[in-house]
Amino acid sequence: MKDPYTVIISRHITEKTTVLEQLKNSESNLSVARFKRPKYVFMVDPLANKAEIAEAVEAIYKNEKINVVGVNTLRTKRKPKRRGRGRPGATAAGKKAIVTLEEGDSIDNI
């Protein structure tokens, strides 16, 4: 098994991922009431597979006794950006993992 901290690079927190994490608490909208399992987004090693990602998340958060139910992965491509004064540059490419935990589990208190 790989070191969990080399598989999981960081937790990816944006406005969109915060909405995804809060769907489990949404009871006013019936269309999202089926999202009872919390989902969290992590930046991961591009060579890591889903099983390694699940084991790494469980190992990192073993004090919270969480169980990973599912892992979905996606790759992000480089996008051209300006660095300032019109100089060309690019955003970083990488791999994200959307990790689904069992109902009732949470890593929010960290």
PDB file of N, CA and C in Angstrom:
ATOM      1  N   MET A   1       0.841  -1.189   0.000  1.00  0.00           N
ATOM      2  CA  MET A   1       0.000   0.000   0.000  1.00  0.00           C
ATOM      3  C   MET A   1       0.880   1.245   0.000  1.00  0.00           C
ATOM      4  N   LYS A   2       0.479   2.232  -0.781  1.00  0.00           N
ATOM      5  CA  LYS A   2       1.208   3.502  -0.843  1.00  0.00           C
ATOM      6  C   LYS A   2       0.918   4.320   0.408  1.00  0.00           C
ATOM      7  N   ASP A   3       1.799   5.275   0.655  1.00  0.00           N
ATOM      8  CA  ASP A   3       1.581   6.202   1.755  1.00  0.00           C
ATOM      9  C   ASP A   3       0.342   7.034   1.456  1.00  0.00           C
ATOM     10  N   PRO A   4      -0.618   7.123   2.392  1.00  0.00           N
ATOM     11  CA  PRO A   4      -1.865   7.851   2.114  1.00  0.00           C
ATOM     12  C   PRO A   4      -1.649   9.320   1.767  1.00  0.00           C
ATOM     13  N   TYR A   5      -0.590   9.907   2.304  1.00  0.00           N
ATOM     14  CA  TYR A   5      -0.356  11.329   2.052  1.00  0.00           C
ATOM     15  C   TYR A   5       0.307  11.583   0.701  1.00  0.00           C
ATOM     16  N   THR A   6       0.769  10.534   0.009  1.00  0.00           N
ATOM     17  CA  THR A   6       1.230  10.708  -1.365  1.00  0.00           C
ATOM     18  C   THR A   6       0.096  10.475  -2.346  1.00  0.00           C
ATOM     19  N   VAL A   7      -0.917   9.714  -1.945  1.00  0.00           N
ATOM     20  CA  VAL A   7      -2.092   9.486  -2.804  1.00  0.00           C
ATOM     21  C   VAL A   7      -3.011  10.700  -2.749  1.00  0.00           C
ATOM     22  N   ILE A   8      -3.326  11.178  -1.547  1.00  0.00           N
ATOM     23  CA  ILE A   8      -4.192  12.343  -1.362  1.00  0.00           C
ATOM     24  C   ILE A   8      -3.293  13.569  -1.237  1.00  0.00           C
ATOM     25  N   ILE A   9      -3.378  14.475  -2.195  1.00  0.00           N
ATOM     26  CA  ILE A   9      -2.547  15.678  -2.176  1.00  0.00           C
ATOM     27  C   ILE A   9      -3.157  16.724  -1.254  1.00  0.00           C
ATOM     28  N   SER A  10      -4.444  17.023  -1.442  1.00  0.00           N
ATOM     29  CA  SER A  10      -5.112  18.007  -0.605  1.00  0.00           C
ATOM     30  C   SER A  10      -6.618  17.881  -0.772  1.00  0.00           C
ATOM     31  N   ARG A  11      -7.325  18.491   0.152  1.00  0.00           N
ATOM     32  CA  ARG A  11      -8.772  18.577   0.025  1.00  0.00           C
ATOM     33  C   ARG A  11      -9.077  19.775  -0.860  1.00  0.00           C
ATOM     34  N   HIS A  12      -9.958  19.594  -1.817  1.00  0.00           N
ATOM     35  CA  HIS A  12     -10.273  20.641  -2.791  1.00  0.00           C
ATOM     36  C   HIS A  12     -11.525  21.369  -2.323  1.00  0.00           C
ATOM     37  N   ILE A  13     -11.364  22.615  -1.900  1.00  0.00           N
ATOM     38  CA  ILE A  13     -12.488  23.384  -1.361  1.00  0.00           C
ATOM     39  C   ILE A  13     -12.738  24.581  -2.271  1.00  0.00           C
ATOM     40  N   THR A  14     -13.891  24.554  -2.933  1.00  0.00           N
ATOM     41  CA  THR A  14     -14.348  25.669  -3.750  1.00  0.00           C
ATOM     42  C   THR A  14     -15.818  25.897  -3.426  1.00  0.00           C
ATOM     43  N   GLU A  15     -16.390  26.883  -4.072  1.00  0.00           N
ATOM     44  CA  GLU A  15     -17.810  27.158  -3.857  1.00  0.00           C
ATOM     45  C   GLU A  15     -18.661  25.973  -4.309  1.00  0.00           C
ATOM     46  N   LYS A  16     -18.288  25.388  -5.419  1.00  0.00           N
ATOM     47  CA  LYS A  16     -19.051  24.268  -5.967  1.00  0.00           C
ATOM     48  C   LYS A  16     -18.936  23.021  -5.088  1.00  0.00           C
ATOM     49  N   THR A  17     -17.754  22.734  -4.560  1.00  0.00           N
ATOM     50  CA  THR A  17     -17.599  21.555  -3.714  1.00  0.00           C
ATOM     51  C   THR A  17     -18.276  21.750  -2.361  1.00  0.00           C
ATOM     52  N   THR A  18     -18.344  22.980  -1.887  1.00  0.00           N
ATOM     53  CA  THR A  18     -19.049  23.249  -0.637  1.00  0.00           C
ATOM     54  C   THR A  18     -20.537  22.983  -0.796  1.00  0.00           C
ATOM     55  N   VAL A  19     -21.100  23.350  -1.939  1.00  0.00           N
ATOM     56  CA  VAL A  19     -22.511  23.056  -2.216  1.00  0.00           C
ATOM     57  C   VAL A  19     -22.726  21.552  -2.271  1.00  0.00           C
ATOM     58  N   LEU A  20     -21.802  20.824  -2.897  1.00  0.00           N
ATOM     59  CA  LEU A  20     -21.897  19.371  -2.991  1.00  0.00           C
ATOM     60  C   LEU A  20     -21.857  18.731  -1.609  1.00  0.00           C
ATOM     61  N   GLU A  21     -21.014  19.255  -0.720  1.00  0.00           N
ATOM     62  CA  GLU A  21     -20.913  18.716   0.632  1.00  0.00           C
ATOM     63  C   GLU A  21     -22.168  19.011   1.456  1.00  0.00           C
ATOM     64  N   GLN A  22     -22.828  20.130   1.201  1.00  0.00           N
ATOM     65  CA  GLN A  22     -23.988  20.528   1.993  1.00  0.00           C
ATOM     66  C   GLN A  22     -25.304  19.935   1.504  1.00  0.00           C
ATOM     67  N   LEU A  23     -25.299  19.166   0.414  1.00  0.00           N
ATOM     68  CA  LEU A  23     -26.536  18.567  -0.082  1.00  0.00           C
ATOM     69  C   LEU A  23     -27.150  17.592   0.911  1.00  0.00           C
ATOM     70  N   LYS A  24     -26.327  16.995   1.763  1.00  0.00           N
ATOM     71  CA  LYS A  24     -26.848  16.047   2.752  1.00  0.00           C
ATOM     72  C   LYS A  24     -27.723  16.733   3.801  1.00  0.00           C
ATOM     73  N   ASN A  25     -27.532  18.047   4.001  1.00  0.00           N
ATOM     74  CA  ASN A  25     -28.311  18.800   4.987  1.00  0.00           C
ATOM     75  C   ASN A  25     -29.534  19.478   4.392  1.00  0.00           C
ATOM     76  N   SER A  26     -29.687  19.421   3.070  1.00  0.00           N
ATOM     77  CA  SER A  26     -30.775  20.118   2.403  1.00  0.00           C
ATOM     78  C   SER A  26     -32.061  19.297   2.483  1.00  0.00           C
ATOM     79  N   GLU A  27     -33.054  19.826   3.177  1.00  0.00           N
ATOM     80  CA  GLU A  27     -34.338  19.136   3.283  1.00  0.00           C
ATOM     81  C   GLU A  27     -35.467  19.918   2.624  1.00  0.00           C
ATOM     82  N   SER A  28     -35.210  21.166   2.255  1.00  0.00           N
ATOM     83  CA  SER A  28     -36.262  21.983   1.676  1.00  0.00           C
ATOM     84  C   SER A  28     -36.532  21.620   0.230  1.00  0.00           C
ATOM     85  N   ASN A  29     -35.516  21.156  -0.481  1.00  0.00           N
ATOM     86  CA  ASN A  29     -35.670  20.818  -1.883  1.00  0.00           C
ATOM     87  C   ASN A  29     -35.813  19.306  -2.024  1.00  0.00           C
ATOM     88  N   LEU A  30     -36.951  18.860  -2.514  1.00  0.00           N
ATOM     89  CA  LEU A  30     -37.206  17.423  -2.602  1.00  0.00           C
ATOM     90  C   LEU A  30     -36.351  16.735  -3.651  1.00  0.00           C
ATOM     91  N   SER A  31     -35.881  17.471  -4.645  1.00  0.00           N
ATOM     92  CA  SER A  31     -35.077  16.841  -5.687  1.00  0.00           C
ATOM     93  C   SER A  31     -33.687  16.452  -5.194  1.00  0.00           C
ATOM     94  N   VAL A  32     -33.196  17.094  -4.148  1.00  0.00           N
ATOM     95  CA  VAL A  32     -31.889  16.719  -3.600  1.00  0.00           C
ATOM     96  C   VAL A  32     -32.013  15.967  -2.282  1.00  0.00           C
ATOM     97  N   ALA A  33     -33.211  15.573  -1.905  1.00  0.00           N
ATOM     98  CA  ALA A  33     -33.404  14.855  -0.653  1.00  0.00           C
ATOM     99  C   ALA A  33     -32.775  13.467  -0.695  1.00  0.00           C
ATOM    100  N   ARG A  34     -32.482  12.949  -1.880  1.00  0.00           N
ATOM    101  CA  ARG A  34     -31.899  11.610  -1.985  1.00  0.00           C
ATOM    102  C   ARG A  34     -30.405  11.598  -1.689  1.00  0.00           C
ATOM    103  N   PHE A  35     -29.793  12.755  -1.542  1.00  0.00           N
ATOM    104  CA  PHE A  35     -28.365  12.838  -1.257  1.00  0.00           C
ATOM    105  C   PHE A  35     -28.133  12.784   0.248  1.00  0.00           C
ATOM    106  N   LYS A  36     -28.296  11.638   0.838  1.00  0.00           N
ATOM    107  CA  LYS A  36     -28.094  11.482   2.281  1.00  0.00           C
ATOM    108  C   LYS A  36     -26.653  11.149   2.616  1.00  0.00           C
ATOM    109  N   ARG A  37     -25.891  10.706   1.622  1.00  0.00           N
ATOM    110  CA  ARG A  37     -24.494  10.352   1.858  1.00  0.00           C
ATOM    111  C   ARG A  37     -23.614  11.555   1.543  1.00  0.00           C
ATOM    112  N   PRO A  38     -22.734  11.929   2.457  1.00  0.00           N
ATOM    113  CA  PRO A  38     -21.877  13.097   2.218  1.00  0.00           C
ATOM    114  C   PRO A  38     -20.813  12.810   1.163  1.00  0.00           C
ATOM    115  N   LYS A  39     -20.474  13.834   0.393  1.00  0.00           N
ATOM    116  CA  LYS A  39     -19.455  13.726  -0.653  1.00  0.00           C
ATOM    117  C   LYS A  39     -18.405  14.803  -0.425  1.00  0.00           C
ATOM    118  N   TYR A  40     -17.148  14.418  -0.611  1.00  0.00           N
ATOM    119  CA  TYR A  40     -16.032  15.336  -0.432  1.00  0.00           C
ATOM    120  C   TYR A  40     -15.106  15.219  -1.639  1.00  0.00           C
ATOM    121  N   VAL A  41     -14.448  16.314  -1.985  1.00  0.00           N
ATOM    122  CA  VAL A  41     -13.593  16.355  -3.169  1.00  0.00           C
ATOM    123  C   VAL A  41     -12.142  16.534  -2.725  1.00  0.00           C
ATOM    124  N   PHE A  42     -11.254  15.719  -3.300  1.00  0.00           N
ATOM    125  CA  PHE A  42      -9.834  15.754  -2.998  1.00  0.00           C
ATOM    126  C   PHE A  42      -9.037  15.851  -4.292  1.00  0.00           C
ATOM    127  N   MET A  43      -7.901  16.540  -4.239  1.00  0.00           N
ATOM    128  CA  MET A  43      -6.914  16.485  -5.314  1.00  0.00           C
ATOM    129  C   MET A  43      -6.034  15.283  -5.011  1.00  0.00           C
ATOM    130  N   VAL A  44      -5.846  14.415  -6.007  1.00  0.00           N
ATOM    131  CA  VAL A  44      -5.120  13.166  -5.782  1.00  0.00           C
ATOM    132  C   VAL A  44      -3.986  13.009  -6.784  1.00  0.00           C
ATOM    133  N   ASP A  45      -3.146  12.017  -6.524  1.00  0.00           N
ATOM    134  CA  ASP A  45      -2.046  11.683  -7.419  1.00  0.00           C
ATOM    135  C   ASP A  45      -2.622  11.199  -8.745  1.00  0.00           C
ATOM    136  N   PRO A  46      -2.141  11.703  -9.884  1.00  0.00           N
ATOM    137  CA  PRO A  46      -2.695  11.302 -11.182  1.00  0.00           C
ATOM    138  C   PRO A  46      -2.560   9.808 -11.485  1.00  0.00           C
ATOM    139  N   LEU A  47      -1.651   9.118 -10.829  1.00  0.00           N
ATOM    140  CA  LEU A  47      -1.465   7.685 -11.070  1.00  0.00           C
ATOM    141  C   LEU A  47      -2.240   6.800 -10.092  1.00  0.00           C
ATOM    142  N   ALA A  48      -2.945   7.401  -9.137  1.00  0.00           N
ATOM    143  CA  ALA A  48      -3.681   6.626  -8.134  1.00  0.00           C
ATOM    144  C   ALA A  48      -4.991   6.112  -8.716  1.00  0.00           C
ATOM    145  N   ASN A  49      -5.363   4.875  -8.331  1.00  0.00           N
ATOM    146  CA  ASN A  49      -6.637   4.334  -8.772  1.00  0.00           C
ATOM    147  C   ASN A  49      -7.672   4.496  -7.657  1.00  0.00           C
ATOM    148  N   LYS A  50      -8.912   4.088  -7.943  1.00  0.00           N
ATOM    149  CA  LYS A  50     -10.010   4.330  -7.004  1.00  0.00           C
ATOM    150  C   LYS A  50      -9.840   3.567  -5.701  1.00  0.00           C
ATOM    151  N   ALA A  51      -9.327   2.351  -5.757  1.00  0.00           N
ATOM    152  CA  ALA A  51      -9.128   1.556  -4.542  1.00  0.00           C
ATOM    153  C   ALA A  51      -8.069   2.190  -3.647  1.00  0.00           C
ATOM    154  N   GLU A  52      -6.993   2.682  -4.237  1.00  0.00           N
ATOM    155  CA  GLU A  52      -5.947   3.341  -3.457  1.00  0.00           C
ATOM    156  C   GLU A  52      -6.465   4.630  -2.826  1.00  0.00           C
ATOM    157  N   ILE A  53      -7.297   5.349  -3.551  1.00  0.00           N
ATOM    158  CA  ILE A  53      -7.865   6.595  -3.016  1.00  0.00           C
ATOM    159  C   ILE A  53      -8.773   6.293  -1.829  1.00  0.00           C
ATOM    160  N   ALA A  54      -9.617   5.272  -1.941  1.00  0.00           N
ATOM    161  CA  ALA A  54     -10.513   4.904  -0.846  1.00  0.00           C
ATOM    162  C   ALA A  54      -9.729   4.482   0.386  1.00  0.00           C
ATOM    163  N   GLU A  55      -8.697   3.668   0.213  1.00  0.00           N
ATOM    164  CA  GLU A  55      -7.879   3.236   1.347  1.00  0.00           C
ATOM    165  C   GLU A  55      -7.151   4.413   1.985  1.00  0.00           C
ATOM    166  N   ALA A  56      -6.672   5.335   1.175  1.00  0.00           N
ATOM    167  CA  ALA A  56      -5.943   6.491   1.693  1.00  0.00           C
ATOM    168  C   ALA A  56      -6.852   7.407   2.509  1.00  0.00           C
ATOM    169  N   VAL A  57      -8.059   7.649   2.037  1.00  0.00           N
ATOM    170  CA  VAL A  57      -8.995   8.510   2.781  1.00  0.00           C
ATOM    171  C   VAL A  57      -9.364   7.852   4.108  1.00  0.00           C
ATOM    172  N   GLU A  58      -9.627   6.554   4.098  1.00  0.00           N
ATOM    173  CA  GLU A  58      -9.946   5.856   5.347  1.00  0.00           C
ATOM    174  C   GLU A  58      -8.760   5.859   6.306  1.00  0.00           C
ATOM    175  N   ALA A  59      -7.525   5.757   5.780  1.00  0.00           N
ATOM    176  CA  ALA A  59      -6.346   5.768   6.639  1.00  0.00           C
ATOM    177  C   ALA A  59      -6.100   7.148   7.234  1.00  0.00           C
ATOM    178  N   ILE A  60      -6.288   8.193   6.434  1.00  0.00           N
ATOM    179  CA  ILE A  60      -6.051   9.552   6.929  1.00  0.00           C
ATOM    180  C   ILE A  60      -7.072   9.926   8.006  1.00  0.00           C
ATOM    181  N   TYR A  61      -8.321   9.547   7.805  1.00  0.00           N
ATOM    182  CA  TYR A  61      -9.386   9.895   8.751  1.00  0.00           C
ATOM    183  C   TYR A  61      -9.800   8.701   9.599  1.00  0.00           C
ATOM    184  N   LYS A  62      -8.838   7.856  10.021  1.00  0.00           N
ATOM    185  CA  LYS A  62      -9.182   6.657  10.787  1.00  0.00           C
ATOM    186  C   LYS A  62      -9.701   6.989  12.183  1.00  0.00           C
ATOM    187  N   ASN A  63      -9.355   8.159  12.737  1.00  0.00           N
ATOM    188  CA  ASN A  63      -9.864   8.552  14.051  1.00  0.00           C
ATOM    189  C   ASN A  63     -11.361   8.841  14.019  1.00  0.00           C
ATOM    190  N   GLU A  64     -11.883   9.258  12.862  1.00  0.00           N
ATOM    191  CA  GLU A  64     -13.309   9.540  12.723  1.00  0.00           C
ATOM    192  C   GLU A  64     -14.103   8.284  12.365  1.00  0.00           C
ATOM    193  N   LYS A  65     -13.401   7.188  12.076  1.00  0.00           N
ATOM    194  CA  LYS A  65     -14.026   5.899  11.740  1.00  0.00           C
ATOM    195  C   LYS A  65     -15.016   6.039  10.584  1.00  0.00           C
ATOM    196  N   ILE A  66     -14.534   6.596   9.487  1.00  0.00           N
ATOM    197  CA  ILE A  66     -15.384   6.750   8.311  1.00  0.00           C
ATOM    198  C   ILE A  66     -15.230   5.545   7.400  1.00  0.00           C
ATOM    199  N   ASN A  67     -16.243   5.290   6.597  1.00  0.00           N
ATOM    200  CA  ASN A  67     -16.218   4.229   5.595  1.00  0.00           C
ATOM    201  C   ASN A  67     -16.529   4.846   4.239  1.00  0.00           C
ATOM    202  N   VAL A  68     -15.670   4.578   3.276  1.00  0.00           N
ATOM    203  CA  VAL A  68     -15.855   5.092   1.925  1.00  0.00           C
ATOM    204  C   VAL A  68     -16.762   4.135   1.161  1.00  0.00           C
ATOM    205  N   VAL A  69     -17.841   4.672   0.595  1.00  0.00           N
ATOM    206  CA  VAL A  69     -18.790   3.872  -0.167  1.00  0.00           C
ATOM    207  C   VAL A  69     -18.424   3.868  -1.643  1.00  0.00           C
ATOM    208  N   GLY A  70     -18.010   5.022  -2.170  1.00  0.00           N
ATOM    209  CA  GLY A  70     -17.690   5.105  -3.585  1.00  0.00           C
ATOM    210  C   GLY A  70     -16.698   6.207  -3.872  1.00  0.00           C
ATOM    211  N   VAL A  71     -15.994   6.049  -4.999  1.00  0.00           N
ATOM    212  CA  VAL A  71     -15.032   7.051  -5.447  1.00  0.00           C
ATOM    213  C   VAL A  71     -15.250   7.276  -6.931  1.00  0.00           C
ATOM    214  N   ASN A  72     -15.415   8.527  -7.316  1.00  0.00           N
ATOM    215  CA  ASN A  72     -15.478   8.914  -8.723  1.00  0.00           C
ATOM    216  C   ASN A  72     -14.282   9.809  -8.988  1.00  0.00           C
ATOM    217  N   THR A  73     -13.615   9.607 -10.125  1.00  0.00           N
ATOM    218  CA  THR A  73     -12.439  10.398 -10.442  1.00  0.00           C
ATOM    219  C   THR A  73     -12.635  11.147 -11.748  1.00  0.00           C
ATOM    220  N   LEU A  74     -11.916  12.260 -11.880  1.00  0.00           N
ATOM    221  CA  LEU A  74     -11.909  13.013 -13.127  1.00  0.00           C
ATOM    222  C   LEU A  74     -10.580  13.730 -13.256  1.00  0.00           C
ATOM    223  N   ARG A  75     -10.169  13.906 -14.497  1.00  0.00           N
ATOM    224  CA  ARG A  75      -8.911  14.592 -14.779  1.00  0.00           C
ATOM    225  C   ARG A  75      -9.216  16.019 -15.229  1.00  0.00           C
ATOM    226  N   THR A  76      -8.413  16.954 -14.757  1.00  0.00           N
ATOM    227  CA  THR A  76      -8.548  18.336 -15.184  1.00  0.00           C
ATOM    228  C   THR A  76      -7.428  18.648 -16.157  1.00  0.00           C
ATOM    229  N   LYS A  77      -7.758  19.356 -17.221  1.00  0.00           N
ATOM    230  CA  LYS A  77      -6.785  19.693 -18.245  1.00  0.00           C
ATOM    231  C   LYS A  77      -6.188  21.072 -17.978  1.00  0.00           C
ATOM    232  N   ARG A  78      -5.056  21.339 -18.603  1.00  0.00           N
ATOM    233  CA  ARG A  78      -4.443  22.660 -18.530  1.00  0.00           C
ATOM    234  C   ARG A  78      -5.281  23.635 -19.352  1.00  0.00           C
ATOM    235  N   LYS A  79      -5.473  24.832 -18.827  1.00  0.00           N
ATOM    236  CA  LYS A  79      -6.198  25.870 -19.549  1.00  0.00           C
ATOM    237  C   LYS A  79      -5.283  27.079 -19.700  1.00  0.00           C
ATOM    238  N   PRO A  80      -5.295  27.705 -20.854  1.00  0.00           N
ATOM    239  CA  PRO A  80      -4.440  28.892 -21.027  1.00  0.00           C
ATOM    240  C   PRO A  80      -4.976  30.065 -20.211  1.00  0.00           C
ATOM    241  N   LYS A  81      -4.070  30.744 -19.553  1.00  0.00           N
ATOM    242  CA  LYS A  81      -4.397  31.927 -18.752  1.00  0.00           C
ATOM    243  C   LYS A  81      -3.316  32.968 -18.975  1.00  0.00           C
ATOM    244  N   ARG A  82      -3.646  34.212 -18.669  1.00  0.00           N
ATOM    245  CA  ARG A  82      -2.637  35.272 -18.708  1.00  0.00           C
ATOM    246  C   ARG A  82      -2.022  35.382 -17.322  1.00  0.00           C
ATOM    247  N   ARG A  83      -0.719  35.563 -17.273  1.00  0.00           N
ATOM    248  CA  ARG A  83      -0.027  35.674 -15.986  1.00  0.00           C
ATOM    249  C   ARG A  83       0.094  37.112 -15.530  1.00  0.00           C
ATOM    250  N   GLY A  84      -0.169  38.046 -16.358  1.00  0.00           N
ATOM    251  CA  GLY A  84      -0.010  39.456 -16.006  1.00  0.00           C
ATOM    252  C   GLY A  84       0.685  40.170 -17.132  1.00  0.00           C
ATOM    253  N   ARG A  85       0.199  41.334 -17.472  1.00  0.00           N
ATOM    254  CA  ARG A  85       0.727  42.130 -18.578  1.00  0.00           C
ATOM    255  C   ARG A  85       0.720  41.345 -19.887  1.00  0.00           C
ATOM    256  N   GLY A  86      -0.233  40.443 -20.023  1.00  0.00           N
ATOM    257  CA  GLY A  86      -0.421  39.739 -21.281  1.00  0.00           C
ATOM    258  C   GLY A  86       0.500  38.559 -21.521  1.00  0.00           C
ATOM    259  N   ARG A  87       1.337  38.200 -20.554  1.00  0.00           N
ATOM    260  CA  ARG A  87       2.235  37.063 -20.746  1.00  0.00           C
ATOM    261  C   ARG A  87       1.441  35.770 -20.697  1.00  0.00           C
ATOM    262  N   PRO A  88       1.750  34.825 -21.554  1.00  0.00           N
ATOM    263  CA  PRO A  88       0.989  33.566 -21.549  1.00  0.00           C
ATOM    264  C   PRO A  88       1.385  32.677 -20.376  1.00  0.00           C
ATOM    265  N   GLY A  89       0.442  31.872 -19.969  1.00  0.00           N
ATOM    266  CA  GLY A  89       0.664  30.913 -18.895  1.00  0.00           C
ATOM    267  C   GLY A  89      -0.414  29.850 -18.987  1.00  0.00           C
ATOM    268  N   ALA A  90      -0.487  28.985 -17.999  1.00  0.00           N
ATOM    269  CA  ALA A  90      -1.502  27.929 -17.998  1.00  0.00           C
ATOM    270  C   ALA A  90      -1.789  27.505 -16.572  1.00  0.00           C
ATOM    271  N   THR A  91      -3.009  27.010 -16.345  1.00  0.00           N
ATOM    272  CA  THR A  91      -3.361  26.450 -15.056  1.00  0.00           C
ATOM    273  C   THR A  91      -2.777  25.046 -14.961  1.00  0.00           C
ATOM    274  N   ALA A  92      -2.717  24.512 -13.780  1.00  0.00           N
ATOM    275  CA  ALA A  92      -2.140  23.186 -13.568  1.00  0.00           C
ATOM    276  C   ALA A  92      -3.148  22.099 -13.930  1.00  0.00           C
ATOM    277  N   ALA A  93      -2.648  21.028 -14.492  1.00  0.00           N
ATOM    278  CA  ALA A  93      -3.471  19.850 -14.746  1.00  0.00           C
ATOM    279  C   ALA A  93      -3.413  18.966 -13.504  1.00  0.00           C
ATOM    280  N   GLY A  94      -4.400  18.102 -13.327  1.00  0.00           N
ATOM    281  CA  GLY A  94      -4.401  17.238 -12.160  1.00  0.00           C
ATOM    282  C   GLY A  94      -5.517  16.229 -12.212  1.00  0.00           C
ATOM    283  N   LYS A  95      -5.758  15.607 -11.076  1.00  0.00           N
ATOM    284  CA  LYS A  95      -6.805  14.606 -10.955  1.00  0.00           C
ATOM    285  C   LYS A  95      -7.572  14.870  -9.669  1.00  0.00           C
ATOM    286  N   LYS A  96      -8.900  14.849  -9.766  1.00  0.00           N
ATOM    287  CA  LYS A  96      -9.770  15.046  -8.613  1.00  0.00           C
ATOM    288  C   LYS A  96     -10.486  13.745  -8.305  1.00  0.00           C
ATOM    289  N   ALA A  97     -10.831  13.553  -7.046  1.00  0.00           N
ATOM    290  CA  ALA A  97     -11.608  12.395  -6.629  1.00  0.00           C
ATOM    291  C   ALA A  97     -12.787  12.880  -5.794  1.00  0.00           C
ATOM    292  N   ILE A  98     -13.980  12.453  -6.176  1.00  0.00           N
ATOM    293  CA  ILE A  98     -15.183  12.744  -5.396  1.00  0.00           C
ATOM    294  C   ILE A  98     -15.462  11.494  -4.568  1.00  0.00           C
ATOM    295  N   VAL A  99     -15.297  11.618  -3.251  1.00  0.00           N
ATOM    296  CA  VAL A  99     -15.396  10.481  -2.345  1.00  0.00           C
ATOM    297  C   VAL A  99     -16.738  10.529  -1.633  1.00  0.00           C
ATOM    298  N   THR A 100     -17.492   9.427  -1.720  1.00  0.00           N
ATOM    299  CA  THR A 100     -18.785   9.313  -1.057  1.00  0.00           C
ATOM    300  C   THR A 100     -18.620   8.475   0.199  1.00  0.00           C
ATOM    301  N   LEU A 101     -19.072   9.009   1.332  1.00  0.00           N
ATOM    302  CA  LEU A 101     -18.981   8.307   2.603  1.00  0.00           C
ATOM    303  C   LEU A 101     -20.318   7.678   2.956  1.00  0.00           C
ATOM    304  N   GLU A 102     -20.314   6.820   3.978  1.00  0.00           N
ATOM    305  CA  GLU A 102     -21.560   6.220   4.444  1.00  0.00           C
ATOM    306  C   GLU A 102     -22.440   7.290   5.085  1.00  0.00           C
ATOM    307  N   GLU A 103     -23.725   7.005   5.108  1.00  0.00           N
ATOM    308  CA  GLU A 103     -24.675   7.952   5.699  1.00  0.00           C
ATOM    309  C   GLU A 103     -24.356   8.129   7.187  1.00  0.00           C
ATOM    310  N   GLY A 104     -24.270   9.370   7.617  1.00  0.00           N
ATOM    311  CA  GLY A 104     -23.960   9.662   9.011  1.00  0.00           C
ATOM    312  C   GLY A 104     -22.497   9.974   9.248  1.00  0.00           C
ATOM    313  N   ASP A 105     -21.603   9.584   8.349  1.00  0.00           N
ATOM    314  CA  ASP A 105     -20.178   9.896   8.497  1.00  0.00           C
ATOM    315  C   ASP A 105     -19.916  11.327   8.061  1.00  0.00           C
ATOM    316  N   SER A 106     -18.862  11.918   8.623  1.00  0.00           N
ATOM    317  CA  SER A 106     -18.530  13.295   8.301  1.00  0.00           C
ATOM    318  C   SER A 106     -17.075  13.561   8.623  1.00  0.00           C
ATOM    319  N   ILE A 107     -16.445  14.420   7.834  1.00  0.00           N
ATOM    320  CA  ILE A 107     -15.086  14.882   8.132  1.00  0.00           C
ATOM    321  C   ILE A 107     -15.071  16.388   8.249  1.00  0.00           C
ATOM    322  N   ASP A 108     -16.225  16.988   8.518  1.00  0.00           N
ATOM    323  CA  ASP A 108     -16.341  18.451   8.595  1.00  0.00           C
ATOM    324  C   ASP A 108     -15.650  19.033   9.808  1.00  0.00           C
ATOM    325  N   ASN A 109     -15.543  18.274  10.879  1.00  0.00           N
ATOM    326  CA  ASN A 109     -15.001  18.818  12.120  1.00  0.00           C
ATOM    327  C   ASN A 109     -13.487  18.950  12.100  1.00  0.00           C
ATOM    328  N   ILE A 110     -12.858  18.673  10.973  1.00  0.00           N
ATOM    329  CA  ILE A 110     -11.394  18.734  10.881  1.00  0.00           C
ATOM    330  C   ILE A 110     -10.974  20.043  10.276  1.00  0.00           C
TER     331      ILE A 110
END
